[in-house]
């Protein structure tokens, strides 16, 4: 498994957790940092709180990589 694929999976799960509970997985995983990482992985730009769009784009990127 490539490091980018692993990172995409972890960020997707962390965003899902954040949407569900409102809590961050850890201190480094702020919403803006997760969105920035999602943008870097997918090559797309997301609006400020478009967490669902980022999750969908990460899911698509993961399915293409596998």
PDB file of N, CA and C in Angstrom:
ATOM      1  N   UNK A   1       0.848  -1.170   0.000  1.00  0.00           N
ATOM      2  CA  UNK A   1       0.000   0.000   0.000  1.00  0.00           C
ATOM      3  C   UNK A   1       0.894   1.233   0.000  1.00  0.00           C
ATOM      4  N   UNK A   2       0.584   2.149  -0.889  1.00  0.00           N
ATOM      5  CA  UNK A   2       1.386   3.362  -0.979  1.00  0.00           C
ATOM      6  C   UNK A   2       1.047   4.298   0.186  1.00  0.00           C
ATOM      7  N   UNK A   3       1.980   5.138   0.577  1.00  0.00           N
ATOM      8  CA  UNK A   3       1.721   6.072   1.676  1.00  0.00           C
ATOM      9  C   UNK A   3       0.569   7.036   1.363  1.00  0.00           C
ATOM     10  N   UNK A   4       0.438   7.443   0.107  1.00  0.00           N
ATOM     11  CA  UNK A   4      -0.643   8.356  -0.267  1.00  0.00           C
ATOM     12  C   UNK A   4      -2.000   7.677  -0.139  1.00  0.00           C
ATOM     13  N   UNK A   5      -2.080   6.417  -0.514  1.00  0.00           N
ATOM     14  CA  UNK A   5      -3.329   5.673  -0.377  1.00  0.00           C
ATOM     15  C   UNK A   5      -3.703   5.535   1.099  1.00  0.00           C
ATOM     16  N   UNK A   6      -2.740   5.197   1.923  1.00  0.00           N
ATOM     17  CA  UNK A   6      -2.980   5.082   3.362  1.00  0.00           C
ATOM     18  C   UNK A   6      -3.447   6.424   3.933  1.00  0.00           C
ATOM     19  N   UNK A   7      -2.788   7.492   3.529  1.00  0.00           N
ATOM     20  CA  UNK A   7      -3.140   8.824   4.005  1.00  0.00           C
ATOM     21  C   UNK A   7      -4.567   9.186   3.585  1.00  0.00           C
ATOM     22  N   UNK A   8      -4.946   8.842   2.367  1.00  0.00           N
ATOM     23  CA  UNK A   8      -6.297   9.127   1.882  1.00  0.00           C
ATOM     24  C   UNK A   8      -7.339   8.389   2.723  1.00  0.00           C
ATOM     25  N   UNK A   9      -7.068   7.137   3.044  1.00  0.00           N
ATOM     26  CA  UNK A   9      -8.000   6.347   3.850  1.00  0.00           C
ATOM     27  C   UNK A   9      -8.142   6.940   5.249  1.00  0.00           C
ATOM     28  N   UNK A  10      -7.020   7.313   5.855  1.00  0.00           N
ATOM     29  CA  UNK A  10      -7.044   7.854   7.214  1.00  0.00           C
ATOM     30  C   UNK A  10      -7.757   9.203   7.251  1.00  0.00           C
ATOM     31  N   UNK A  11      -7.483  10.073   6.304  1.00  0.00           N
ATOM     32  CA  UNK A  11      -8.125  11.388   6.274  1.00  0.00           C
ATOM     33  C   UNK A  11      -9.627  11.239   6.036  1.00  0.00           C
ATOM     34  N   UNK A  12     -10.008  10.316   5.147  1.00  0.00           N
ATOM     35  CA  UNK A  12     -11.441  10.098   4.902  1.00  0.00           C
ATOM     36  C   UNK A  12     -12.138   9.668   6.190  1.00  0.00           C
ATOM     37  N   UNK A  13     -11.565   8.720   6.905  1.00  0.00           N
ATOM     38  CA  UNK A  13     -12.167   8.250   8.156  1.00  0.00           C
ATOM     39  C   UNK A  13     -12.188   9.356   9.220  1.00  0.00           C
ATOM     40  N   UNK A  14     -11.139  10.161   9.276  1.00  0.00           N
ATOM     41  CA  UNK A  14     -11.084  11.254  10.249  1.00  0.00           C
ATOM     42  C   UNK A  14     -12.146  12.304   9.943  1.00  0.00           C
ATOM     43  N   UNK A  15     -12.366  12.599   8.664  1.00  0.00           N
ATOM     44  CA  UNK A  15     -13.425  13.542   8.292  1.00  0.00           C
ATOM     45  C   UNK A  15     -14.802  12.982   8.641  1.00  0.00           C
ATOM     46  N   UNK A  16     -15.013  11.702   8.384  1.00  0.00           N
ATOM     47  CA  UNK A  16     -16.288  11.078   8.739  1.00  0.00           C
ATOM     48  C   UNK A  16     -16.527  11.155  10.247  1.00  0.00           C
ATOM     49  N   UNK A  17     -15.480  10.904  11.026  1.00  0.00           N
ATOM     50  CA  UNK A  17     -15.577  10.985  12.487  1.00  0.00           C
ATOM     51  C   UNK A  17     -15.896  12.408  12.926  1.00  0.00           C
ATOM     52  N   UNK A  18     -15.245  13.390  12.296  1.00  0.00           N
ATOM     53  CA  UNK A  18     -15.459  14.790  12.646  1.00  0.00           C
ATOM     54  C   UNK A  18     -16.896  15.213  12.336  1.00  0.00           C
ATOM     55  N   UNK A  19     -17.428  14.777  11.191  1.00  0.00           N
ATOM     56  CA  UNK A  19     -18.806  15.115  10.833  1.00  0.00           C
ATOM     57  C   UNK A  19     -19.780  14.494  11.842  1.00  0.00           C
ATOM     58  N   UNK A  20     -19.522  13.266  12.206  1.00  0.00           N
ATOM     59  CA  UNK A  20     -20.435  12.522  13.079  1.00  0.00           C
ATOM     60  C   UNK A  20     -20.434  13.050  14.510  1.00  0.00           C
ATOM     61  N   UNK A  21     -19.253  13.364  15.044  1.00  0.00           N
ATOM     62  CA  UNK A  21     -19.146  13.702  16.465  1.00  0.00           C
ATOM     63  C   UNK A  21     -18.783  15.158  16.756  1.00  0.00           C
ATOM     64  N   UNK A  22     -18.168  15.834  15.792  1.00  0.00           N
ATOM     65  CA  UNK A  22     -17.697  17.193  16.039  1.00  0.00           C
ATOM     66  C   UNK A  22     -16.357  17.231  16.747  1.00  0.00           C
ATOM     67  N   UNK A  23     -15.774  16.060  16.981  1.00  0.00           N
ATOM     68  CA  UNK A  23     -14.476  15.992  17.661  1.00  0.00           C
ATOM     69  C   UNK A  23     -13.372  15.683  16.652  1.00  0.00           C
ATOM     70  N   UNK A  24     -12.184  16.189  16.934  1.00  0.00           N
ATOM     71  CA  UNK A  24     -11.036  15.880  16.094  1.00  0.00           C
ATOM     72  C   UNK A  24     -10.418  14.569  16.559  1.00  0.00           C
ATOM     73  N   UNK A  25      -9.792  13.853  15.626  1.00  0.00           N
ATOM     74  CA  UNK A  25      -9.144  12.589  15.957  1.00  0.00           C
ATOM     75  C   UNK A  25      -7.923  12.841  16.840  1.00  0.00           C
ATOM     76  N   UNK A  26      -7.158  13.868  16.528  1.00  0.00           N
ATOM     77  CA  UNK A  26      -6.047  14.302  17.372  1.00  0.00           C
ATOM     78  C   UNK A  26      -5.798  15.785  17.129  1.00  0.00           C
ATOM     79  N   UNK A  27      -4.845  16.369  17.802  1.00  0.00           N
ATOM     80  CA  UNK A  27      -4.621  17.812  17.682  1.00  0.00           C
ATOM     81  C   UNK A  27      -4.187  18.252  16.294  1.00  0.00           C
ATOM     82  N   UNK A  28      -3.459  17.421  15.611  1.00  0.00           N
ATOM     83  CA  UNK A  28      -2.955  17.792  14.288  1.00  0.00           C
ATOM     84  C   UNK A  28      -4.045  17.765  13.224  1.00  0.00           C
ATOM     85  N   UNK A  29      -5.091  16.999  13.454  1.00  0.00           N
ATOM     86  CA  UNK A  29      -6.148  16.829  12.452  1.00  0.00           C
ATOM     87  C   UNK A  29      -7.234  17.886  12.622  1.00  0.00           C
ATOM     88  N   UNK A  30      -6.867  19.143  12.424  1.00  0.00           N
ATOM     89  CA  UNK A  30      -7.868  20.200  12.437  1.00  0.00           C
ATOM     90  C   UNK A  30      -8.665  20.106  11.144  1.00  0.00           C
ATOM     91  N   UNK A  31      -9.869  20.627  11.128  1.00  0.00           N
ATOM     92  CA  UNK A  31     -10.659  20.567   9.897  1.00  0.00           C
ATOM     93  C   UNK A  31      -9.943  21.189   8.695  1.00  0.00           C
ATOM     94  N   UNK A  32      -9.287  22.326   8.908  1.00  0.00           N
ATOM     95  CA  UNK A  32      -8.594  22.963   7.780  1.00  0.00           C
ATOM     96  C   UNK A  32      -7.401  22.134   7.318  1.00  0.00           C
ATOM     97  N   UNK A  33      -6.704  21.492   8.236  1.00  0.00           N
ATOM     98  CA  UNK A  33      -5.568  20.644   7.849  1.00  0.00           C
ATOM     99  C   UNK A  33      -6.044  19.410   7.090  1.00  0.00           C
ATOM    100  N   UNK A  34      -7.168  18.835   7.522  1.00  0.00           N
ATOM    101  CA  UNK A  34      -7.700  17.675   6.814  1.00  0.00           C
ATOM    102  C   UNK A  34      -8.177  18.051   5.416  1.00  0.00           C
ATOM    103  N   UNK A  35      -8.812  19.212   5.297  1.00  0.00           N
ATOM    104  CA  UNK A  35      -9.274  19.663   3.980  1.00  0.00           C
ATOM    105  C   UNK A  35      -8.086  19.981   3.064  1.00  0.00           C
ATOM    106  N   UNK A  36      -7.037  20.558   3.607  1.00  0.00           N
ATOM    107  CA  UNK A  36      -5.833  20.857   2.825  1.00  0.00           C
ATOM    108  C   UNK A  36      -5.186  19.559   2.333  1.00  0.00           C
ATOM    109  N   UNK A  37      -5.130  18.557   3.189  1.00  0.00           N
ATOM    110  CA  UNK A  37      -4.570  17.266   2.801  1.00  0.00           C
ATOM    111  C   UNK A  37      -5.442  16.595   1.749  1.00  0.00           C
ATOM    112  N   UNK A  38      -6.750  16.677   1.903  1.00  0.00           N
ATOM    113  CA  UNK A  38      -7.661  16.118   0.900  1.00  0.00           C
ATOM    114  C   UNK A  38      -7.461  16.801  -0.449  1.00  0.00           C
ATOM    115  N   UNK A  39      -7.250  18.097  -0.437  1.00  0.00           N
ATOM    116  CA  UNK A  39      -6.985  18.834  -1.681  1.00  0.00           C
ATOM    117  C   UNK A  39      -5.680  18.387  -2.317  1.00  0.00           C
ATOM    118  N   UNK A  40      -4.659  18.184  -1.500  1.00  0.00           N
ATOM    119  CA  UNK A  40      -3.363  17.739  -2.020  1.00  0.00           C
ATOM    120  C   UNK A  40      -3.453  16.344  -2.626  1.00  0.00           C
ATOM    121  N   UNK A  41      -4.215  15.465  -2.008  1.00  0.00           N
ATOM    122  CA  UNK A  41      -4.336  14.088  -2.484  1.00  0.00           C
ATOM    123  C   UNK A  41      -5.163  14.018  -3.767  1.00  0.00           C
ATOM    124  N   UNK A  42      -6.296  14.725  -3.788  1.00  0.00           N
ATOM    125  CA  UNK A  42      -7.224  14.615  -4.919  1.00  0.00           C
ATOM    126  C   UNK A  42      -6.938  15.595  -6.043  1.00  0.00           C
ATOM    127  N   UNK A  43      -6.247  16.677  -5.736  1.00  0.00           N
ATOM    128  CA  UNK A  43      -5.998  17.699  -6.744  1.00  0.00           C
ATOM    129  C   UNK A  43      -7.180  18.628  -6.953  1.00  0.00           C
ATOM    130  N   UNK A  44      -8.181  18.550  -6.103  1.00  0.00           N
ATOM    131  CA  UNK A  44      -9.372  19.399  -6.191  1.00  0.00           C
ATOM    132  C   UNK A  44      -9.338  20.454  -5.098  1.00  0.00           C
ATOM    133  N   UNK A  45     -10.037  21.543  -5.332  1.00  0.00           N
ATOM    134  CA  UNK A  45     -10.212  22.569  -4.308  1.00  0.00           C
ATOM    135  C   UNK A  45     -11.609  22.435  -3.727  1.00  0.00           C
ATOM    136  N   UNK A  46     -11.722  22.543  -2.418  1.00  0.00           N
ATOM    137  CA  UNK A  46     -12.999  22.408  -1.739  1.00  0.00           C
ATOM    138  C   UNK A  46     -13.346  23.706  -1.042  1.00  0.00           C
ATOM    139  N   UNK A  47     -14.632  23.949  -0.895  1.00  0.00           N
ATOM    140  CA  UNK A  47     -15.071  25.100  -0.126  1.00  0.00           C
ATOM    141  C   UNK A  47     -14.753  24.856   1.342  1.00  0.00           C
ATOM    142  N   UNK A  48     -14.868  25.886   2.146  1.00  0.00           N
ATOM    143  CA  UNK A  48     -14.399  25.852   3.532  1.00  0.00           C
ATOM    144  C   UNK A  48     -14.925  24.663   4.339  1.00  0.00           C
ATOM    145  N   UNK A  49     -16.205  24.394   4.317  1.00  0.00           N
ATOM    146  CA  UNK A  49     -16.755  23.314   5.149  1.00  0.00           C
ATOM    147  C   UNK A  49     -17.415  22.225   4.312  1.00  0.00           C
ATOM    148  N   UNK A  50     -16.860  21.966   3.156  1.00  0.00           N
ATOM    149  CA  UNK A  50     -17.403  20.946   2.256  1.00  0.00           C
ATOM    150  C   UNK A  50     -16.790  19.585   2.589  1.00  0.00           C
ATOM    151  N   UNK A  51     -17.027  19.134   3.816  1.00  0.00           N
ATOM    152  CA  UNK A  51     -16.439  17.880   4.270  1.00  0.00           C
ATOM    153  C   UNK A  51     -16.982  16.692   3.482  1.00  0.00           C
ATOM    154  N   UNK A  52     -18.268  16.715   3.177  1.00  0.00           N
ATOM    155  CA  UNK A  52     -18.881  15.621   2.416  1.00  0.00           C
ATOM    156  C   UNK A  52     -18.283  15.545   1.011  1.00  0.00           C
ATOM    157  N   UNK A  53     -18.051  16.684   0.393  1.00  0.00           N
ATOM    158  CA  UNK A  53     -17.421  16.701  -0.931  1.00  0.00           C
ATOM    159  C   UNK A  53     -16.009  16.152  -0.892  1.00  0.00           C
ATOM    160  N   UNK A  54     -15.283  16.462   0.179  1.00  0.00           N
ATOM    161  CA  UNK A  54     -13.925  15.945   0.333  1.00  0.00           C
ATOM    162  C   UNK A  54     -13.943  14.440   0.552  1.00  0.00           C
ATOM    163  N   UNK A  55     -14.906  13.959   1.331  1.00  0.00           N
ATOM    164  CA  UNK A  55     -15.023  12.520   1.559  1.00  0.00           C
ATOM    165  C   UNK A  55     -15.325  11.803   0.250  1.00  0.00           C
ATOM    166  N   UNK A  56     -16.243  12.360  -0.534  1.00  0.00           N
ATOM    167  CA  UNK A  56     -16.585  11.750  -1.825  1.00  0.00           C
ATOM    168  C   UNK A  56     -15.385  11.720  -2.767  1.00  0.00           C
ATOM    169  N   UNK A  57     -14.619  12.817  -2.809  1.00  0.00           N
ATOM    170  CA  UNK A  57     -13.441  12.869  -3.676  1.00  0.00           C
ATOM    171  C   UNK A  57     -12.370  11.898  -3.201  1.00  0.00           C
ATOM    172  N   UNK A  58     -12.185  11.769  -1.897  1.00  0.00           N
ATOM    173  CA  UNK A  58     -11.210  10.817  -1.366  1.00  0.00           C
ATOM    174  C   UNK A  58     -11.644   9.383  -1.645  1.00  0.00           C
ATOM    175  N   UNK A  59     -12.935   9.106  -1.530  1.00  0.00           N
ATOM    176  CA  UNK A  59     -13.446   7.776  -1.835  1.00  0.00           C
ATOM    177  C   UNK A  59     -13.182   7.424  -3.289  1.00  0.00           C
ATOM    178  N   UNK A  60     -13.398   8.371  -4.168  1.00  0.00           N
ATOM    179  CA  UNK A  60     -13.128   8.163  -5.592  1.00  0.00           C
ATOM    180  C   UNK A  60     -11.643   7.926  -5.834  1.00  0.00           C
ATOM    181  N   UNK A  61     -10.790   8.701  -5.193  1.00  0.00           N
ATOM    182  CA  UNK A  61      -9.342   8.536  -5.361  1.00  0.00           C
ATOM    183  C   UNK A  61      -8.875   7.175  -4.826  1.00  0.00           C
ATOM    184  N   UNK A  62      -9.453   6.747  -3.735  1.00  0.00           N
ATOM    185  CA  UNK A  62      -9.093   5.445  -3.150  1.00  0.00           C
ATOM    186  C   UNK A  62      -9.517   4.314  -4.075  1.00  0.00           C
ATOM    187  N   UNK A  63     -10.732   4.410  -4.613  1.00  0.00           N
ATOM    188  CA  UNK A  63     -11.223   3.341  -5.491  1.00  0.00           C
ATOM    189  C   UNK A  63     -10.411   3.267  -6.773  1.00  0.00           C
ATOM    190  N   UNK A  64      -9.908   4.393  -7.264  1.00  0.00           N
ATOM    191  CA  UNK A  64      -9.073   4.382  -8.472  1.00  0.00           C
ATOM    192  C   UNK A  64      -7.702   3.807  -8.177  1.00  0.00           C
ATOM    193  N   UNK A  65      -7.195   3.998  -6.971  1.00  0.00           N
ATOM    194  CA  UNK A  65      -5.867   3.518  -6.623  1.00  0.00           C
ATOM    195  C   UNK A  65      -5.837   2.020  -6.360  1.00  0.00           C
ATOM    196  N   UNK A  66      -6.969   1.476  -5.972  1.00  0.00           N
ATOM    197  CA  UNK A  66      -7.024   0.038  -5.627  1.00  0.00           C
ATOM    198  C   UNK A  66      -7.279  -0.796  -6.820  1.00  0.00           C
TER     199      UNK A  66
END
